[in-house]
N, C-alpha and C. Protein backbone atom coordinates (compact mmCIF):
# COMPACT_ATOMS: atom_id res chain seq x y z
N MET A 1 89.76 129.79 223.06
CA MET A 1 90.43 128.76 223.76
C MET A 1 89.44 128.02 224.66
N SER A 2 89.34 126.70 224.46
CA SER A 2 88.40 125.92 225.25
C SER A 2 89.15 125.14 226.32
N LEU A 3 88.66 125.25 227.46
CA LEU A 3 89.25 124.53 228.59
C LEU A 3 88.44 123.27 228.87
N THR A 4 89.12 122.16 228.91
CA THR A 4 88.44 120.91 229.26
C THR A 4 88.49 120.75 230.77
N PRO A 5 87.39 120.33 231.33
CA PRO A 5 87.38 120.15 232.79
C PRO A 5 88.34 119.02 233.19
N PRO A 6 88.96 119.14 234.32
CA PRO A 6 89.88 118.08 234.76
C PRO A 6 89.11 116.77 235.00
N ARG A 7 89.70 115.68 234.55
CA ARG A 7 89.06 114.37 234.74
C ARG A 7 89.69 113.69 235.94
N PRO A 8 88.85 113.18 236.82
CA PRO A 8 89.42 112.49 237.99
C PRO A 8 90.00 111.14 237.58
N HIS A 9 91.03 110.75 238.22
CA HIS A 9 91.61 109.43 237.98
C HIS A 9 91.90 108.77 239.32
N ILE A 10 91.84 107.46 239.30
CA ILE A 10 92.04 106.69 240.52
C ILE A 10 93.50 106.27 240.60
N ASN A 11 94.10 106.50 241.73
CA ASN A 11 95.47 106.08 241.94
C ASN A 11 95.47 104.61 242.34
N VAL A 12 95.93 103.74 241.46
CA VAL A 12 95.90 102.30 241.72
C VAL A 12 97.20 101.78 242.29
N THR A 13 98.18 102.62 242.48
CA THR A 13 99.47 102.18 243.00
C THR A 13 99.35 101.52 244.38
N PRO A 14 98.61 102.08 245.34
CA PRO A 14 98.50 101.38 246.64
C PRO A 14 97.82 100.01 246.52
N MET A 15 96.84 99.90 245.63
CA MET A 15 96.16 98.61 245.47
C MET A 15 97.12 97.58 244.89
N ILE A 16 97.95 97.97 243.94
CA ILE A 16 98.92 97.06 243.35
C ILE A 16 99.94 96.63 244.40
N ASP A 17 100.36 97.57 245.26
CA ASP A 17 101.30 97.22 246.33
C ASP A 17 100.71 96.17 247.26
N VAL A 18 99.46 96.35 247.64
CA VAL A 18 98.81 95.39 248.53
C VAL A 18 98.68 94.02 247.84
N MET A 19 98.33 94.00 246.58
CA MET A 19 98.19 92.74 245.86
C MET A 19 99.54 92.01 245.76
N LEU A 20 100.62 92.75 245.53
CA LEU A 20 101.94 92.12 245.46
C LEU A 20 102.36 91.54 246.80
N VAL A 21 102.06 92.25 247.89
CA VAL A 21 102.39 91.72 249.22
C VAL A 21 101.59 90.45 249.50
N LEU A 22 100.30 90.44 249.16
CA LEU A 22 99.49 89.24 249.35
C LEU A 22 100.01 88.08 248.49
N LEU A 23 100.40 88.38 247.26
CA LEU A 23 100.95 87.35 246.40
C LEU A 23 102.22 86.75 247.00
N LEU A 24 103.08 87.57 247.53
CA LEU A 24 104.29 87.08 248.17
C LEU A 24 103.98 86.23 249.40
N ILE A 25 103.02 86.66 250.20
CA ILE A 25 102.63 85.89 251.39
C ILE A 25 102.13 84.50 250.98
N PHE A 26 101.27 84.44 249.97
CA PHE A 26 100.74 83.15 249.56
C PHE A 26 101.80 82.26 248.92
N MET A 27 102.74 82.86 248.19
CA MET A 27 103.81 82.07 247.59
C MET A 27 104.74 81.49 248.67
N ILE A 28 105.07 82.27 249.67
CA ILE A 28 105.92 81.78 250.76
C ILE A 28 105.20 80.71 251.57
N GLN A 29 103.92 80.92 251.80
CA GLN A 29 103.14 79.93 252.55
C GLN A 29 103.10 78.61 251.81
N GLN A 30 103.00 78.64 250.50
CA GLN A 30 102.95 77.41 249.72
C GLN A 30 104.27 76.65 249.78
N VAL A 31 105.38 77.37 249.89
CA VAL A 31 106.68 76.72 249.99
C VAL A 31 106.87 76.10 251.36
N ILE A 32 106.43 76.81 252.40
CA ILE A 32 106.61 76.32 253.76
C ILE A 32 105.67 75.17 254.08
N ILE A 33 104.41 75.30 253.70
CA ILE A 33 103.40 74.27 253.97
C ILE A 33 102.84 73.81 252.63
N PRO A 34 103.47 72.84 251.96
CA PRO A 34 103.03 72.47 250.61
C PRO A 34 101.66 71.79 250.55
N ALA A 35 101.35 70.96 251.52
CA ALA A 35 100.06 70.27 251.48
C ALA A 35 99.51 70.20 252.89
N LEU A 36 98.36 70.79 253.07
CA LEU A 36 97.72 70.72 254.38
C LEU A 36 96.96 69.41 254.49
N ALA A 37 97.16 68.70 255.57
CA ALA A 37 96.50 67.40 255.77
C ALA A 37 95.08 67.63 256.27
N LEU A 38 94.20 66.72 255.90
CA LEU A 38 92.84 66.78 256.41
C LEU A 38 92.84 66.47 257.90
N PRO A 39 91.91 67.06 258.65
CA PRO A 39 91.88 66.79 260.08
C PRO A 39 91.49 65.35 260.37
N THR A 40 92.01 64.83 261.46
CA THR A 40 91.64 63.48 261.87
C THR A 40 90.62 63.58 262.99
N ALA A 41 89.88 62.52 263.17
CA ALA A 41 88.83 62.53 264.19
C ALA A 41 89.43 62.36 265.57
N ARG A 42 88.79 62.96 266.55
CA ARG A 42 89.26 62.83 267.92
C ARG A 42 88.79 61.53 268.55
N ASN A 43 87.64 61.04 268.12
CA ASN A 43 87.10 59.83 268.70
C ASN A 43 86.76 58.85 267.57
N PRO A 44 87.77 58.31 266.88
CA PRO A 44 87.49 57.47 265.73
C PRO A 44 87.08 56.05 266.08
N LEU A 45 87.00 55.70 267.36
CA LEU A 45 86.65 54.33 267.72
C LEU A 45 85.16 54.08 267.67
N ASP A 46 84.34 55.14 267.65
CA ASP A 46 82.89 54.96 267.56
C ASP A 46 82.54 54.54 266.14
N LYS A 47 81.85 53.45 266.01
CA LYS A 47 81.43 52.95 264.71
C LYS A 47 79.96 53.29 264.52
N PRO A 48 79.47 53.20 263.28
CA PRO A 48 78.03 53.43 263.07
C PRO A 48 77.19 52.42 263.85
N LYS A 49 75.96 52.82 264.13
CA LYS A 49 75.04 51.95 264.85
C LYS A 49 74.84 50.64 264.09
N PRO A 50 74.44 49.58 264.80
CA PRO A 50 74.13 48.34 264.09
C PRO A 50 72.99 48.57 263.11
N ASN A 51 73.08 47.93 261.96
CA ASN A 51 72.09 48.01 260.91
C ASN A 51 71.98 49.41 260.30
N ALA A 52 73.03 50.18 260.39
CA ALA A 52 73.04 51.53 259.80
C ALA A 52 73.34 51.42 258.31
N VAL A 53 72.84 52.39 257.57
CA VAL A 53 73.12 52.45 256.14
C VAL A 53 74.42 53.23 255.97
N THR A 54 75.41 52.59 255.38
CA THR A 54 76.72 53.21 255.18
C THR A 54 77.02 53.27 253.70
N LEU A 55 77.42 54.46 253.25
CA LEU A 55 77.83 54.65 251.86
C LEU A 55 79.33 54.88 251.84
N ARG A 56 80.03 53.99 251.15
CA ARG A 56 81.48 54.13 250.98
C ARG A 56 81.75 54.59 249.56
N ILE A 57 82.66 55.55 249.43
CA ILE A 57 83.08 56.02 248.11
C ILE A 57 84.59 55.87 248.06
N ASP A 58 85.07 55.05 247.15
CA ASP A 58 86.51 54.82 247.10
C ASP A 58 87.21 55.89 246.27
N ARG A 59 88.49 55.75 246.12
CA ARG A 59 89.33 56.74 245.43
C ARG A 59 88.90 56.97 243.98
N LEU A 60 88.32 55.95 243.36
CA LEU A 60 87.89 56.05 241.97
C LEU A 60 86.47 56.56 241.82
N GLY A 61 85.77 56.79 242.94
CA GLY A 61 84.40 57.28 242.89
C GLY A 61 83.36 56.19 242.78
N VAL A 62 83.71 54.97 243.14
CA VAL A 62 82.78 53.84 243.10
C VAL A 62 81.97 53.83 244.39
N PHE A 63 80.64 53.74 244.26
CA PHE A 63 79.75 53.73 245.41
C PHE A 63 79.54 52.30 245.91
N GLU A 64 79.49 52.16 247.25
CA GLU A 64 79.24 50.87 247.86
C GLU A 64 78.34 51.08 249.07
N LEU A 65 77.19 50.45 249.07
CA LEU A 65 76.25 50.54 250.19
C LEU A 65 76.37 49.31 251.06
N SER A 66 76.21 49.50 252.38
CA SER A 66 76.23 48.35 253.27
C SER A 66 75.29 48.58 254.44
N THR A 67 74.59 47.53 254.80
CA THR A 67 73.78 47.47 256.02
C THR A 67 73.91 46.05 256.56
N ASP A 68 73.68 45.88 257.86
CA ASP A 68 73.78 44.55 258.45
C ASP A 68 72.65 43.64 257.98
N SER A 69 71.42 44.17 257.95
CA SER A 69 70.28 43.31 257.63
C SER A 69 70.17 43.01 256.14
N GLU A 70 70.47 43.98 255.29
CA GLU A 70 70.30 43.78 253.85
C GLU A 70 71.44 42.98 253.24
N TYR A 71 72.66 43.36 253.56
CA TYR A 71 73.81 42.79 252.87
C TYR A 71 74.70 41.99 253.80
N GLY A 72 74.27 41.73 255.03
CA GLY A 72 75.07 40.97 255.96
C GLY A 72 76.32 41.70 256.42
N GLY A 73 76.29 43.03 256.39
CA GLY A 73 77.43 43.82 256.82
C GLY A 73 78.47 44.02 255.74
N LYS A 74 78.33 43.30 254.65
CA LYS A 74 79.27 43.45 253.54
C LYS A 74 78.71 44.48 252.57
N GLY A 75 79.60 45.15 251.91
CA GLY A 75 79.18 46.18 250.97
C GLY A 75 78.73 45.60 249.64
N ARG A 76 77.87 46.34 248.98
CA ARG A 76 77.39 45.96 247.65
C ARG A 76 77.58 47.16 246.74
N ARG A 77 78.28 46.97 245.64
CA ARG A 77 78.51 48.07 244.70
C ARG A 77 77.19 48.51 244.08
N VAL A 78 77.07 49.82 243.96
CA VAL A 78 75.87 50.40 243.39
C VAL A 78 76.31 51.38 242.30
N ALA A 79 75.67 51.30 241.15
CA ALA A 79 75.99 52.22 240.06
C ALA A 79 75.50 53.62 240.42
N HIS A 80 76.13 54.62 239.85
CA HIS A 80 75.76 56.01 240.11
C HIS A 80 74.29 56.26 239.80
N ALA A 81 73.80 55.70 238.71
CA ALA A 81 72.41 55.91 238.30
C ALA A 81 71.42 55.22 239.23
N ASP A 82 71.84 54.15 239.91
CA ASP A 82 70.95 53.38 240.77
C ASP A 82 71.01 53.78 242.24
N LEU A 83 71.89 54.71 242.60
CA LEU A 83 72.09 55.05 244.01
C LEU A 83 70.82 55.61 244.65
N GLY A 84 70.13 56.51 243.98
CA GLY A 84 68.92 57.10 244.54
C GLY A 84 67.83 56.08 244.77
N ALA A 85 67.58 55.21 243.79
CA ALA A 85 66.55 54.18 243.92
C ALA A 85 66.89 53.20 245.03
N GLU A 86 68.16 52.84 245.15
CA GLU A 86 68.57 51.89 246.19
C GLU A 86 68.41 52.51 247.58
N LEU A 87 68.77 53.78 247.73
CA LEU A 87 68.59 54.45 249.02
C LEU A 87 67.12 54.58 249.36
N GLN A 88 66.28 54.91 248.38
CA GLN A 88 64.84 55.00 248.64
C GLN A 88 64.29 53.66 249.11
N ARG A 89 64.75 52.59 248.49
CA ARG A 89 64.29 51.25 248.89
C ARG A 89 64.71 50.93 250.32
N LEU A 90 65.95 51.29 250.68
CA LEU A 90 66.44 51.00 252.03
C LEU A 90 65.70 51.82 253.08
N TYR A 91 65.42 53.08 252.79
CA TYR A 91 64.77 53.94 253.77
C TYR A 91 63.25 53.79 253.78
N ALA A 92 62.68 53.08 252.83
CA ALA A 92 61.23 52.87 252.81
C ALA A 92 60.78 52.04 254.01
N VAL A 93 61.62 51.11 254.45
CA VAL A 93 61.25 50.26 255.58
C VAL A 93 61.68 50.87 256.91
N ARG A 94 62.42 51.94 256.90
CA ARG A 94 62.89 52.62 258.11
C ARG A 94 62.01 53.84 258.33
N THR A 95 61.16 53.76 259.32
CA THR A 95 60.19 54.84 259.51
C THR A 95 60.83 56.13 260.04
N GLY A 96 61.65 56.06 261.07
CA GLY A 96 62.20 57.27 261.64
C GLY A 96 63.69 57.44 261.42
N ASP A 97 64.31 56.42 260.88
CA ASP A 97 65.77 56.44 260.74
C ASP A 97 66.14 56.83 259.31
N HIS A 98 66.47 58.08 259.11
CA HIS A 98 66.90 58.54 257.79
C HIS A 98 68.31 59.11 257.91
N VAL A 99 69.20 58.28 258.50
CA VAL A 99 70.59 58.67 258.72
C VAL A 99 71.46 57.87 257.75
N LEU A 100 72.38 58.56 257.11
CA LEU A 100 73.33 57.92 256.20
C LEU A 100 74.73 58.18 256.73
N TYR A 101 75.49 57.12 256.90
CA TYR A 101 76.89 57.24 257.31
C TYR A 101 77.74 57.24 256.05
N LEU A 102 78.63 58.20 255.94
CA LEU A 102 79.42 58.38 254.73
C LEU A 102 80.89 58.14 255.03
N MET A 103 81.50 57.26 254.25
CA MET A 103 82.94 57.02 254.32
C MET A 103 83.49 57.29 252.93
N ALA A 104 84.36 58.30 252.81
CA ALA A 104 84.91 58.65 251.51
C ALA A 104 86.42 58.74 251.60
N ASP A 105 87.08 58.43 250.52
CA ASP A 105 88.53 58.52 250.46
C ASP A 105 88.94 59.99 250.56
N SER A 106 90.04 60.26 251.26
CA SER A 106 90.46 61.64 251.46
C SER A 106 90.99 62.27 250.17
N ALA A 107 91.38 61.47 249.19
CA ALA A 107 91.90 62.01 247.94
C ALA A 107 90.79 62.23 246.91
N LEU A 108 89.56 61.94 247.27
CA LEU A 108 88.44 62.04 246.35
C LEU A 108 88.06 63.50 246.14
N ALA A 109 87.70 63.87 244.93
CA ALA A 109 87.25 65.23 244.64
C ALA A 109 85.92 65.48 245.35
N PHE A 110 85.77 66.68 245.90
CA PHE A 110 84.56 66.98 246.66
C PHE A 110 83.32 66.98 245.78
N SER A 111 83.46 67.22 244.49
CA SER A 111 82.30 67.22 243.61
C SER A 111 81.61 65.85 243.58
N VAL A 112 82.38 64.78 243.71
CA VAL A 112 81.79 63.43 243.75
C VAL A 112 80.99 63.25 245.03
N ILE A 113 81.54 63.71 246.15
CA ILE A 113 80.83 63.62 247.43
C ILE A 113 79.57 64.47 247.41
N ASP A 114 79.68 65.68 246.86
CA ASP A 114 78.53 66.57 246.79
C ASP A 114 77.43 65.98 245.93
N ASP A 115 77.81 65.34 244.83
CA ASP A 115 76.83 64.70 243.96
C ASP A 115 76.14 63.54 244.69
N ALA A 116 76.90 62.75 245.43
CA ALA A 116 76.31 61.63 246.18
C ALA A 116 75.37 62.15 247.26
N LEU A 117 75.74 63.24 247.93
CA LEU A 117 74.87 63.80 248.96
C LEU A 117 73.59 64.38 248.36
N ALA A 118 73.68 64.97 247.18
CA ALA A 118 72.47 65.49 246.52
C ALA A 118 71.52 64.34 246.16
N ILE A 119 72.08 63.24 245.69
CA ILE A 119 71.25 62.06 245.39
C ILE A 119 70.63 61.53 246.67
N ALA A 120 71.41 61.48 247.75
CA ALA A 120 70.90 60.97 249.03
C ALA A 120 69.79 61.86 249.57
N ARG A 121 69.94 63.18 249.47
CA ARG A 121 68.88 64.09 249.93
C ARG A 121 67.60 63.86 249.14
N GLY A 122 67.74 63.63 247.84
CA GLY A 122 66.57 63.34 247.00
C GLY A 122 65.92 62.02 247.36
N ALA A 123 66.69 61.09 247.94
CA ALA A 123 66.15 59.78 248.31
C ALA A 123 65.56 59.79 249.71
N GLY A 124 65.62 60.90 250.44
CA GLY A 124 65.00 60.97 251.75
C GLY A 124 65.95 60.99 252.92
N VAL A 125 67.24 61.07 252.68
CA VAL A 125 68.20 61.14 253.79
C VAL A 125 68.11 62.52 254.43
N ARG A 126 68.01 62.54 255.75
CA ARG A 126 67.89 63.81 256.47
C ARG A 126 69.14 64.15 257.26
N VAL A 127 69.90 63.13 257.69
CA VAL A 127 71.10 63.34 258.49
C VAL A 127 72.24 62.55 257.87
N VAL A 128 73.40 63.18 257.72
CA VAL A 128 74.58 62.50 257.20
C VAL A 128 75.65 62.55 258.27
N GLY A 129 76.19 61.39 258.59
CA GLY A 129 77.28 61.30 259.55
C GLY A 129 78.55 60.87 258.84
N ALA A 130 79.64 61.57 259.10
CA ALA A 130 80.91 61.21 258.47
C ALA A 130 81.64 60.22 259.35
N VAL A 131 82.09 59.13 258.78
CA VAL A 131 82.84 58.11 259.50
C VAL A 131 84.30 58.25 259.10
N THR A 132 85.16 58.39 260.09
CA THR A 132 86.59 58.53 259.82
C THR A 132 87.34 57.31 260.33
N GLU A 133 88.52 57.14 259.84
CA GLU A 133 89.37 56.06 260.29
C GLU A 133 90.61 56.63 260.92
N ARG A 134 91.14 55.92 261.89
CA ARG A 134 92.34 56.38 262.58
C ARG A 134 93.54 56.24 261.66
N ARG A 135 94.34 57.31 261.61
CA ARG A 135 95.56 57.26 260.82
C ARG A 135 96.67 56.68 261.66
N GLU A 136 97.42 55.79 261.05
CA GLU A 136 98.56 55.20 261.74
C GLU A 136 99.72 56.19 261.68
N ARG A 137 100.41 56.36 262.79
CA ARG A 137 101.53 57.33 262.83
C ARG A 137 102.84 56.63 262.87
């Protein structure tokens, strides 16, 4: 008669109980708070400095660059492929100012913003400032 040694087993019942409780908490939270709003700025009246480079990204992911000296304060659409070259050209004449002000639509996917910031970092941008707008209540 051969005796097999007892094999240890892990009791997963407590882990399943914890997972079910967490699932219920998240499901109830989703019903109570369906969509969390993005935070609004506390001091939205401050605008970018004069002659600042501002990158606007609209809901469709279209890039628009604006500066006072280059474009007269009006935005100019820039293709995704040309964004890096255009930023390099703008910052080539700015010796110490490598600040980019970013205005993006709140419904925009973050991957588009992250891609634009990666292009900007490659073009020499060192500081990014987010520009917000006041929400009407």
